[in-house]
Amino acid sequence: MTCKQFVALGVRLFCVWLAIYIMTGMVSLWVAVSQQPHHGNAATVVLAIITVFALIVVLLWLFPLTVARKLLPRSAQDQLVALPPHEQIERAGFCLMGLWLLTHAVPGLAFDVVVNRLYHADSTLELRPQDYAAVAEHLVELALALWLLFGARGLRGLLAWARSAGSTPGRADSGPQE
């Protein structure tokens, strides 16, 4: 794999992340804007922002090698990249997913604590069902993030087991036995 192909793969992974981020973040923004009494211009702005980001995702997805050529110096574009064994790549991927989930879970949990505890400190606090659901969601995300960060070896073992499930040793279509 060349450096250019490696960066192009990173660009495509960024596209997947950005698309997920747009779908989750912009839906929340749309709901918040639509609940305002006078949301005519704000709704147009939100739709414009969603359209621009969606266009960015599509362009990056369709032209990752062009982006890679712009990012890399010409001398490094066709150099071969020696990748470590696939188990190290998988471990790194699980750790990155864990970090990404952690960056979502910790601020969300902090927000829940601040809003539900400090904001209502002088009054009797009655949590609504959606407040409990938000806290539970962020706690589950935190648990998954920690598992992905620190339990990548166990998760990789589970992935290896899933790959070899149903195959018998010695068959030509069975993957590498670990």
N, C-alpha and C. Protein backbone atom coordinates (compact mmCIF):
# COMPACT_ATOMS: atom_id res chain seq x y z
N MET A 1 0.85 -1.16 0.00
CA MET A 1 0.00 0.00 0.00
C MET A 1 0.90 1.23 0.00
N THR A 2 0.59 2.18 -0.88
CA THR A 2 1.38 3.40 -0.94
C THR A 2 0.86 4.41 0.08
N CYS A 3 1.68 5.41 0.33
CA CYS A 3 1.28 6.47 1.27
C CYS A 3 0.00 7.15 0.80
N LYS A 4 -0.09 7.35 -0.51
CA LYS A 4 -1.27 8.01 -1.07
C LYS A 4 -2.53 7.17 -0.81
N GLN A 5 -2.44 5.87 -0.99
CA GLN A 5 -3.58 4.99 -0.74
C GLN A 5 -3.93 4.96 0.75
N PHE A 6 -2.91 4.99 1.58
CA PHE A 6 -3.12 4.97 3.03
C PHE A 6 -3.85 6.23 3.49
N VAL A 7 -3.44 7.39 2.98
CA VAL A 7 -4.11 8.65 3.32
C VAL A 7 -5.53 8.66 2.75
N ALA A 8 -5.71 8.13 1.56
CA ALA A 8 -7.05 8.06 0.96
C ALA A 8 -7.97 7.20 1.81
N LEU A 9 -7.45 6.12 2.36
CA LEU A 9 -8.24 5.30 3.28
C LEU A 9 -8.64 6.11 4.51
N GLY A 10 -7.71 6.88 5.03
CA GLY A 10 -8.02 7.75 6.17
C GLY A 10 -9.08 8.78 5.83
N VAL A 11 -9.04 9.32 4.62
CA VAL A 11 -10.03 10.29 4.18
C VAL A 11 -11.41 9.64 4.12
N ARG A 12 -11.48 8.42 3.62
CA ARG A 12 -12.77 7.72 3.56
C ARG A 12 -13.29 7.41 4.97
N LEU A 13 -12.41 7.02 5.87
CA LEU A 13 -12.84 6.78 7.26
C LEU A 13 -13.35 8.08 7.88
N PHE A 14 -12.69 9.19 7.58
CA PHE A 14 -13.16 10.49 8.05
C PHE A 14 -14.55 10.79 7.50
N CYS A 15 -14.80 10.41 6.25
CA CYS A 15 -16.13 10.61 5.65
C CYS A 15 -17.20 9.85 6.42
N VAL A 16 -16.90 8.62 6.78
CA VAL A 16 -17.87 7.82 7.55
C VAL A 16 -18.14 8.50 8.88
N TRP A 17 -17.08 8.93 9.57
CA TRP A 17 -17.27 9.61 10.86
C TRP A 17 -18.08 10.88 10.69
N LEU A 18 -17.75 11.69 9.68
CA LEU A 18 -18.44 12.95 9.46
C LEU A 18 -19.91 12.73 9.12
N ALA A 19 -20.21 11.71 8.34
CA ALA A 19 -21.61 11.41 7.99
C ALA A 19 -22.40 11.03 9.24
N ILE A 20 -21.80 10.21 10.10
CA ILE A 20 -22.48 9.83 11.35
C ILE A 20 -22.67 11.05 12.24
N TYR A 21 -21.65 11.88 12.32
CA TYR A 21 -21.72 13.09 13.14
C TYR A 21 -22.81 14.04 12.62
N ILE A 22 -22.89 14.17 11.31
CA ILE A 22 -23.91 15.04 10.72
C ILE A 22 -25.30 14.51 11.05
N MET A 23 -25.48 13.21 10.87
CA MET A 23 -26.81 12.63 11.12
C MET A 23 -27.25 12.80 12.57
N THR A 24 -26.34 12.61 13.50
CA THR A 24 -26.73 12.73 14.91
C THR A 24 -26.81 14.17 15.37
N GLY A 25 -25.80 14.96 15.03
CA GLY A 25 -25.75 16.33 15.50
C GLY A 25 -26.76 17.25 14.85
N MET A 26 -26.93 17.12 13.57
CA MET A 26 -27.83 18.01 12.86
C MET A 26 -29.30 17.71 13.15
N VAL A 27 -29.61 16.46 13.41
CA VAL A 27 -30.99 16.13 13.78
C VAL A 27 -31.34 16.80 15.10
N SER A 28 -30.42 16.75 16.05
CA SER A 28 -30.64 17.42 17.33
C SER A 28 -30.77 18.92 17.14
N LEU A 29 -29.94 19.49 16.29
CA LEU A 29 -30.01 20.93 16.03
C LEU A 29 -31.34 21.28 15.36
N TRP A 30 -31.77 20.47 14.42
CA TRP A 30 -33.04 20.71 13.74
C TRP A 30 -34.21 20.67 14.73
N VAL A 31 -34.21 19.69 15.62
CA VAL A 31 -35.28 19.60 16.62
C VAL A 31 -35.26 20.82 17.53
N ALA A 32 -34.08 21.26 17.96
CA ALA A 32 -33.98 22.43 18.83
C ALA A 32 -34.47 23.70 18.13
N VAL A 33 -34.10 23.85 16.86
CA VAL A 33 -34.52 25.04 16.12
C VAL A 33 -36.02 25.01 15.84
N SER A 34 -36.54 23.85 15.49
CA SER A 34 -37.96 23.77 15.13
C SER A 34 -38.88 23.99 16.33
N GLN A 35 -38.37 23.85 17.54
CA GLN A 35 -39.19 24.08 18.73
C GLN A 35 -39.25 25.54 19.13
N GLN A 36 -38.47 26.38 18.49
CA GLN A 36 -38.50 27.81 18.76
C GLN A 36 -39.72 28.43 18.08
N PRO A 37 -40.33 29.45 18.70
CA PRO A 37 -41.55 30.03 18.13
C PRO A 37 -41.35 30.65 16.74
N HIS A 38 -40.25 31.35 16.52
CA HIS A 38 -39.99 31.99 15.23
C HIS A 38 -38.74 31.37 14.63
N HIS A 39 -38.91 30.27 13.94
CA HIS A 39 -37.74 29.54 13.46
C HIS A 39 -37.60 29.56 11.94
N GLY A 40 -38.24 30.47 11.25
CA GLY A 40 -38.20 30.51 9.78
C GLY A 40 -36.80 30.62 9.21
N ASN A 41 -36.04 31.65 9.59
CA ASN A 41 -34.69 31.83 9.06
C ASN A 41 -33.71 30.82 9.63
N ALA A 42 -33.89 30.44 10.88
CA ALA A 42 -32.99 29.47 11.50
C ALA A 42 -33.09 28.11 10.80
N ALA A 43 -34.29 27.72 10.42
CA ALA A 43 -34.46 26.45 9.73
C ALA A 43 -33.74 26.46 8.39
N THR A 44 -33.77 27.59 7.70
CA THR A 44 -33.07 27.71 6.42
C THR A 44 -31.56 27.60 6.63
N VAL A 45 -31.06 28.23 7.67
CA VAL A 45 -29.63 28.16 7.97
C VAL A 45 -29.22 26.73 8.31
N VAL A 46 -30.02 26.03 9.11
CA VAL A 46 -29.70 24.64 9.47
C VAL A 46 -29.70 23.76 8.22
N LEU A 47 -30.69 23.92 7.36
CA LEU A 47 -30.71 23.15 6.11
C LEU A 47 -29.51 23.45 5.23
N ALA A 48 -29.09 24.72 5.19
CA ALA A 48 -27.92 25.08 4.40
C ALA A 48 -26.66 24.43 4.97
N ILE A 49 -26.53 24.43 6.30
CA ILE A 49 -25.36 23.81 6.94
C ILE A 49 -25.34 22.31 6.67
N ILE A 50 -26.49 21.66 6.81
CA ILE A 50 -26.58 20.22 6.55
C ILE A 50 -26.20 19.93 5.09
N THR A 51 -26.68 20.75 4.17
CA THR A 51 -26.38 20.56 2.75
C THR A 51 -24.89 20.72 2.47
N VAL A 52 -24.27 21.73 3.05
CA VAL A 52 -22.84 21.96 2.83
C VAL A 52 -22.02 20.78 3.37
N PHE A 53 -22.33 20.33 4.58
CA PHE A 53 -21.59 19.20 5.14
C PHE A 53 -21.82 17.92 4.36
N ALA A 54 -23.04 17.69 3.92
CA ALA A 54 -23.32 16.51 3.10
C ALA A 54 -22.55 16.56 1.79
N LEU A 55 -22.46 17.74 1.19
CA LEU A 55 -21.68 17.90 -0.04
C LEU A 55 -20.20 17.62 0.21
N ILE A 56 -19.69 18.09 1.33
CA ILE A 56 -18.29 17.82 1.69
C ILE A 56 -18.06 16.32 1.83
N VAL A 57 -18.98 15.62 2.49
CA VAL A 57 -18.84 14.17 2.66
C VAL A 57 -18.83 13.47 1.30
N VAL A 58 -19.75 13.85 0.42
CA VAL A 58 -19.83 13.21 -0.90
C VAL A 58 -18.55 13.48 -1.70
N LEU A 59 -18.08 14.72 -1.69
CA LEU A 59 -16.88 15.04 -2.46
C LEU A 59 -15.65 14.33 -1.91
N LEU A 60 -15.51 14.28 -0.59
CA LEU A 60 -14.38 13.57 -0.01
C LEU A 60 -14.46 12.07 -0.30
N TRP A 61 -15.66 11.52 -0.29
CA TRP A 61 -15.84 10.09 -0.57
C TRP A 61 -15.49 9.77 -2.01
N LEU A 62 -15.89 10.64 -2.93
CA LEU A 62 -15.67 10.37 -4.35
C LEU A 62 -14.23 10.65 -4.79
N PHE A 63 -13.54 11.56 -4.11
CA PHE A 63 -12.20 11.97 -4.55
C PHE A 63 -11.16 11.88 -3.42
N PRO A 64 -11.02 10.71 -2.78
CA PRO A 64 -10.05 10.61 -1.68
C PRO A 64 -8.60 10.69 -2.16
N LEU A 65 -8.32 10.17 -3.35
CA LEU A 65 -6.94 10.22 -3.85
C LEU A 65 -6.53 11.64 -4.20
N THR A 66 -7.47 12.45 -4.66
CA THR A 66 -7.15 13.86 -4.94
C THR A 66 -6.77 14.58 -3.65
N VAL A 67 -7.53 14.31 -2.60
CA VAL A 67 -7.22 14.92 -1.30
C VAL A 67 -5.86 14.42 -0.80
N ALA A 68 -5.59 13.13 -0.97
CA ALA A 68 -4.31 12.56 -0.53
C ALA A 68 -3.15 13.20 -1.29
N ARG A 69 -3.33 13.42 -2.60
CA ARG A 69 -2.27 14.07 -3.38
C ARG A 69 -2.02 15.49 -2.90
N LYS A 70 -3.07 16.20 -2.48
CA LYS A 70 -2.91 17.57 -1.98
C LYS A 70 -2.24 17.59 -0.60
N LEU A 71 -2.50 16.56 0.21
CA LEU A 71 -1.97 16.52 1.57
C LEU A 71 -0.52 16.07 1.64
N LEU A 72 -0.13 15.17 0.75
CA LEU A 72 1.21 14.60 0.81
C LEU A 72 2.16 15.32 -0.14
N PRO A 73 3.43 15.43 0.26
CA PRO A 73 4.42 15.95 -0.68
C PRO A 73 4.58 14.96 -1.84
N ARG A 74 4.92 15.47 -3.00
CA ARG A 74 5.01 14.64 -4.20
C ARG A 74 6.00 13.47 -4.01
N SER A 75 7.08 13.70 -3.27
CA SER A 75 8.09 12.65 -3.10
C SER A 75 7.59 11.50 -2.24
N ALA A 76 6.61 11.73 -1.39
CA ALA A 76 6.13 10.68 -0.48
C ALA A 76 4.91 9.94 -1.00
N GLN A 77 4.32 10.39 -2.09
CA GLN A 77 3.05 9.83 -2.54
C GLN A 77 3.13 8.37 -2.95
N ASP A 78 4.20 7.97 -3.63
CA ASP A 78 4.28 6.60 -4.14
C ASP A 78 5.19 5.70 -3.31
N GLN A 79 5.60 6.16 -2.14
CA GLN A 79 6.40 5.31 -1.26
C GLN A 79 5.50 4.24 -0.65
N LEU A 80 6.06 3.06 -0.52
CA LEU A 80 5.30 1.97 0.08
C LEU A 80 5.28 2.11 1.59
N VAL A 81 4.15 1.78 2.18
CA VAL A 81 4.00 1.82 3.63
C VAL A 81 4.03 0.38 4.13
N ALA A 82 4.96 0.10 5.01
CA ALA A 82 5.03 -1.24 5.60
C ALA A 82 4.09 -1.25 6.81
N LEU A 83 2.99 -1.94 6.66
CA LEU A 83 2.01 -1.99 7.74
C LEU A 83 2.34 -3.13 8.69
N PRO A 84 2.07 -2.94 9.98
CA PRO A 84 2.29 -4.02 10.94
C PRO A 84 1.25 -5.12 10.72
N PRO A 85 1.41 -6.24 11.40
CA PRO A 85 0.44 -7.33 11.25
C PRO A 85 -0.99 -6.85 11.55
N HIS A 86 -1.95 -7.55 10.94
CA HIS A 86 -3.35 -7.10 11.03
C HIS A 86 -3.85 -7.02 12.47
N GLU A 87 -3.30 -7.80 13.37
CA GLU A 87 -3.78 -7.75 14.76
C GLU A 87 -3.43 -6.41 15.41
N GLN A 88 -2.29 -5.83 15.06
CA GLN A 88 -1.93 -4.53 15.61
C GLN A 88 -2.80 -3.42 15.02
N ILE A 89 -3.15 -3.56 13.75
CA ILE A 89 -4.04 -2.59 13.12
C ILE A 89 -5.42 -2.66 13.75
N GLU A 90 -5.91 -3.87 13.99
CA GLU A 90 -7.22 -4.03 14.62
C GLU A 90 -7.21 -3.45 16.03
N ARG A 91 -6.15 -3.72 16.79
CA ARG A 91 -6.05 -3.16 18.13
C ARG A 91 -6.06 -1.64 18.11
N ALA A 92 -5.31 -1.08 17.19
CA ALA A 92 -5.29 0.38 17.06
C ALA A 92 -6.67 0.90 16.67
N GLY A 93 -7.36 0.21 15.78
CA GLY A 93 -8.70 0.61 15.38
C GLY A 93 -9.68 0.58 16.54
N PHE A 94 -9.62 -0.48 17.34
CA PHE A 94 -10.52 -0.56 18.50
C PHE A 94 -10.20 0.54 19.50
N CYS A 95 -8.93 0.83 19.70
CA CYS A 95 -8.56 1.91 20.61
C CYS A 95 -9.05 3.26 20.09
N LEU A 96 -8.94 3.48 18.79
CA LEU A 96 -9.44 4.73 18.22
C LEU A 96 -10.95 4.85 18.36
N MET A 97 -11.67 3.74 18.14
CA MET A 97 -13.12 3.78 18.34
C MET A 97 -13.45 4.07 19.80
N GLY A 98 -12.67 3.50 20.70
CA GLY A 98 -12.88 3.75 22.12
C GLY A 98 -12.64 5.21 22.48
N LEU A 99 -11.58 5.80 21.92
CA LEU A 99 -11.32 7.21 22.15
C LEU A 99 -12.44 8.09 21.61
N TRP A 100 -12.93 7.74 20.43
CA TRP A 100 -14.01 8.52 19.83
C TRP A 100 -15.26 8.44 20.70
N LEU A 101 -15.58 7.25 21.16
CA LEU A 101 -16.75 7.09 22.03
C LEU A 101 -16.53 7.81 23.35
N LEU A 102 -15.32 7.78 23.86
CA LEU A 102 -15.01 8.47 25.11
C LEU A 102 -15.19 9.98 24.96
N THR A 103 -14.82 10.52 23.81
CA THR A 103 -15.00 11.96 23.59
C THR A 103 -16.46 12.35 23.49
N HIS A 104 -17.32 11.39 23.29
CA HIS A 104 -18.76 11.68 23.27
C HIS A 104 -19.37 11.42 24.64
N ALA A 105 -18.93 10.38 25.31
CA ALA A 105 -19.55 9.98 26.58
C ALA A 105 -19.21 10.92 27.73
N VAL A 106 -17.95 11.29 27.86
CA VAL A 106 -17.53 12.12 28.99
C VAL A 106 -18.18 13.51 28.95
N PRO A 107 -18.14 14.24 27.83
CA PRO A 107 -18.83 15.54 27.83
C PRO A 107 -20.34 15.41 28.05
N GLY A 108 -20.95 14.35 27.49
CA GLY A 108 -22.38 14.16 27.69
C GLY A 108 -22.72 13.89 29.14
N LEU A 109 -21.90 13.07 29.78
CA LEU A 109 -22.12 12.78 31.20
C LEU A 109 -21.88 14.02 32.05
N ALA A 110 -20.86 14.79 31.72
CA ALA A 110 -20.60 16.03 32.45
C ALA A 110 -21.76 17.01 32.27
N PHE A 111 -22.29 17.10 31.07
CA PHE A 111 -23.43 17.97 30.82
C PHE A 111 -24.64 17.54 31.65
N ASP A 112 -24.89 16.22 31.68
CA ASP A 112 -26.01 15.72 32.47
C ASP A 112 -25.85 16.07 33.94
N VAL A 113 -24.64 15.93 34.46
CA VAL A 113 -24.39 16.24 35.87
C VAL A 113 -24.59 17.73 36.13
N VAL A 114 -24.02 18.56 35.27
CA VAL A 114 -24.13 20.01 35.46
C VAL A 114 -25.58 20.45 35.38
N VAL A 115 -26.28 20.02 34.35
CA VAL A 115 -27.66 20.47 34.16
C VAL A 115 -28.57 19.92 35.25
N ASN A 116 -28.42 18.64 35.56
CA ASN A 116 -29.35 18.02 36.50
C ASN A 116 -29.02 18.28 37.96
N ARG A 117 -27.79 18.52 38.29
CA ARG A 117 -27.41 18.71 39.70
C ARG A 117 -27.18 20.17 40.06
N LEU A 118 -26.30 20.81 39.31
CA LEU A 118 -25.93 22.17 39.68
C LEU A 118 -26.99 23.20 39.29
N TYR A 119 -27.59 23.01 38.15
CA TYR A 119 -28.58 23.97 37.68
C TYR A 119 -29.82 23.97 38.56
N HIS A 120 -30.18 22.80 39.05
CA HIS A 120 -31.36 22.66 39.90
C HIS A 120 -30.97 22.47 41.37
N ALA A 121 -29.84 23.04 41.79
CA ALA A 121 -29.34 22.80 43.15
C ALA A 121 -30.27 23.34 44.23
N ASP A 122 -30.89 24.49 43.99
CA ASP A 122 -31.73 25.07 45.05
C ASP A 122 -33.15 24.53 45.05
N SER A 123 -33.55 23.85 44.03
CA SER A 123 -34.93 23.34 43.98
C SER A 123 -34.93 21.83 44.16
N THR A 124 -36.11 21.32 44.40
CA THR A 124 -36.25 19.87 44.48
C THR A 124 -36.09 19.31 43.07
N LEU A 125 -35.17 18.43 42.93
CA LEU A 125 -34.84 17.90 41.61
C LEU A 125 -35.73 16.71 41.29
N GLU A 126 -36.48 16.83 40.24
CA GLU A 126 -37.27 15.71 39.73
C GLU A 126 -36.79 15.40 38.33
N LEU A 127 -36.18 14.27 38.20
CA LEU A 127 -35.66 13.89 36.88
C LEU A 127 -36.79 13.29 36.05
N ARG A 128 -36.84 13.69 34.81
CA ARG A 128 -37.80 13.14 33.87
C ARG A 128 -37.24 11.85 33.29
N PRO A 129 -38.09 11.03 32.68
CA PRO A 129 -37.58 9.77 32.09
C PRO A 129 -36.48 9.99 31.06
N GLN A 130 -36.57 11.07 30.27
CA GLN A 130 -35.52 11.31 29.29
C GLN A 130 -34.19 11.68 29.94
N ASP A 131 -34.23 12.26 31.17
CA ASP A 131 -32.99 12.55 31.89
C ASP A 131 -32.31 11.25 32.32
N TYR A 132 -33.12 10.32 32.83
CA TYR A 132 -32.57 9.01 33.19
C TYR A 132 -32.01 8.29 31.96
N ALA A 133 -32.73 8.40 30.86
CA ALA A 133 -32.28 7.76 29.63
C ALA A 133 -30.96 8.35 29.13
N ALA A 134 -30.82 9.67 29.23
CA ALA A 134 -29.58 10.32 28.78
C ALA A 134 -28.40 9.90 29.65
N VAL A 135 -28.61 9.84 30.95
CA VAL A 135 -27.53 9.41 31.85
C VAL A 135 -27.17 7.95 31.56
N ALA A 136 -28.18 7.10 31.38
CA ALA A 136 -27.93 5.69 31.08
C ALA A 136 -27.18 5.54 29.75
N GLU A 137 -27.58 6.32 28.76
CA GLU A 137 -26.91 6.27 27.45
C GLU A 137 -25.43 6.62 27.59
N HIS A 138 -25.14 7.68 28.34
CA HIS A 138 -23.75 8.10 28.47
C HIS A 138 -22.94 7.13 29.34
N LEU A 139 -23.57 6.51 30.30
CA LEU A 139 -22.86 5.50 31.10
C LEU A 139 -22.53 4.27 30.26
N VAL A 140 -23.46 3.86 29.41
CA VAL A 140 -23.20 2.72 28.52
C VAL A 140 -22.09 3.07 27.53
N GLU A 141 -22.15 4.28 26.98
CA GLU A 141 -21.08 4.73 26.07
C GLU A 141 -19.73 4.74 26.78
N LEU A 142 -19.71 5.20 28.02
CA LEU A 142 -18.48 5.23 28.79
C LEU A 142 -17.95 3.82 29.01
N ALA A 143 -18.83 2.90 29.36
CA ALA A 143 -18.41 1.51 29.56
C ALA A 143 -17.87 0.90 28.26
N LEU A 144 -18.56 1.14 27.16
CA LEU A 144 -18.07 0.62 25.87
C LEU A 144 -16.74 1.25 25.48
N ALA A 145 -16.59 2.54 25.73
CA ALA A 145 -15.34 3.22 25.40
C ALA A 145 -14.18 2.65 26.21
N LEU A 146 -14.40 2.43 27.48
CA LEU A 146 -13.33 1.87 28.31
C LEU A 146 -13.00 0.45 27.89
N TRP A 147 -14.04 -0.31 27.52
CA TRP A 147 -13.81 -1.69 27.04
C TRP A 147 -13.01 -1.67 25.75
N LEU A 148 -13.36 -0.77 24.83
CA LEU A 148 -12.63 -0.70 23.57
C LEU A 148 -11.20 -0.23 23.78
N LEU A 149 -11.01 0.70 24.70
CA LEU A 149 -9.66 1.21 24.95
C LEU A 149 -8.77 0.18 25.63
N PHE A 150 -9.29 -0.45 26.66
CA PHE A 150 -8.44 -1.30 27.48
C PHE A 150 -8.66 -2.79 27.26
N GLY A 151 -9.69 -3.14 26.52
CA GLY A 151 -9.97 -4.55 26.29
C GLY A 151 -9.87 -4.92 24.84
N ALA A 152 -9.00 -4.24 24.09
CA ALA A 152 -8.90 -4.49 22.66
C ALA A 152 -8.43 -5.92 22.37
N ARG A 153 -7.59 -6.47 23.22
CA ARG A 153 -7.11 -7.83 22.98
C ARG A 153 -8.27 -8.82 23.06
N GLY A 154 -9.13 -8.66 24.04
CA GLY A 154 -10.30 -9.53 24.15
C GLY A 154 -11.27 -9.35 23.00
N LEU A 155 -11.46 -8.11 22.57
CA LEU A 155 -12.34 -7.84 21.44
C LEU A 155 -11.74 -8.39 20.16
N ARG A 156 -10.42 -8.30 20.00
CA ARG A 156 -9.78 -8.86 18.83
C ARG A 156 -9.91 -10.38 18.81
N GLY A 157 -9.83 -11.00 19.99
CA GLY A 157 -10.05 -12.44 20.07
C GLY A 157 -11.46 -12.82 19.66
N LEU A 158 -12.43 -12.01 20.07
CA LEU A 158 -13.81 -12.24 19.68
C LEU A 158 -13.97 -12.11 18.17
N LEU A 159 -13.30 -11.13 17.58
CA LEU A 159 -13.35 -10.93 16.13
C LEU A 159 -12.71 -12.11 15.41
N ALA A 160 -11.59 -12.60 15.90
CA ALA A 160 -10.93 -13.76 15.29
C ALA A 160 -11.82 -14.98 15.39
N TRP A 161 -12.51 -15.15 16.52
CA TRP A 161 -13.43 -16.27 16.68
C TRP A 161 -14.58 -16.17 15.68
N ALA A 162 -15.11 -14.94 15.50
CA ALA A 162 -16.22 -14.75 14.57
C ALA A 162 -15.80 -15.03 13.14
N ARG A 163 -14.56 -14.69 12.80
CA ARG A 163 -14.07 -14.96 11.45
C ARG A 163 -13.96 -16.45 11.18
N SER A 164 -13.53 -17.19 12.19
CA SER A 164 -13.31 -18.63 11.97
C SER A 164 -14.52 -19.47 12.31
N ALA A 165 -15.61 -18.87 12.77
CA ALA A 165 -16.81 -19.63 13.10
C ALA A 165 -17.36 -20.28 11.84
N GLY A 166 -17.64 -21.54 11.92
CA GLY A 166 -18.21 -22.26 10.79
C GLY A 166 -17.20 -22.86 9.85
N SER A 167 -15.94 -22.50 10.00
CA SER A 167 -14.93 -23.08 9.12
C SER A 167 -14.23 -24.22 9.86
N THR A 168 -13.80 -25.18 9.08
CA THR A 168 -13.08 -26.30 9.68
C THR A 168 -11.62 -26.19 9.33
N PRO A 169 -10.74 -26.54 10.26
CA PRO A 169 -9.31 -26.45 9.97
C PRO A 169 -8.94 -27.33 8.79
N GLY A 170 -8.06 -26.82 7.95
CA GLY A 170 -7.59 -27.59 6.81
C GLY A 170 -8.34 -27.31 5.52
N ARG A 171 -9.50 -26.66 5.60
CA ARG A 171 -10.21 -26.33 4.37
C ARG A 171 -9.55 -25.14 3.71
N ALA A 172 -9.68 -25.04 2.41
CA ALA A 172 -9.03 -23.96 1.68
C ALA A 172 -9.65 -22.61 1.98
N ASP A 173 -10.96 -22.58 2.32
CA ASP A 173 -11.61 -21.29 2.55
C ASP A 173 -11.53 -20.86 3.99
N SER A 174 -10.94 -21.65 4.86
CA SER A 174 -10.85 -21.23 6.25
C SER A 174 -9.69 -20.25 6.38
N GLY A 175 -9.90 -19.24 7.19
CA GLY A 175 -8.90 -18.18 7.37
C GLY A 175 -7.74 -18.67 8.21
N PRO A 176 -6.82 -17.80 8.48
CA PRO A 176 -5.66 -18.18 9.29
C PRO A 176 -6.09 -18.53 10.70
N GLN A 177 -5.60 -19.63 11.17
CA GLN A 177 -5.95 -20.08 12.52
C GLN A 177 -5.02 -19.40 13.52
N GLU A 178 -5.59 -18.85 14.57
CA GLU A 178 -4.79 -18.14 15.56
C GLU A 178 -4.82 -18.86 16.86
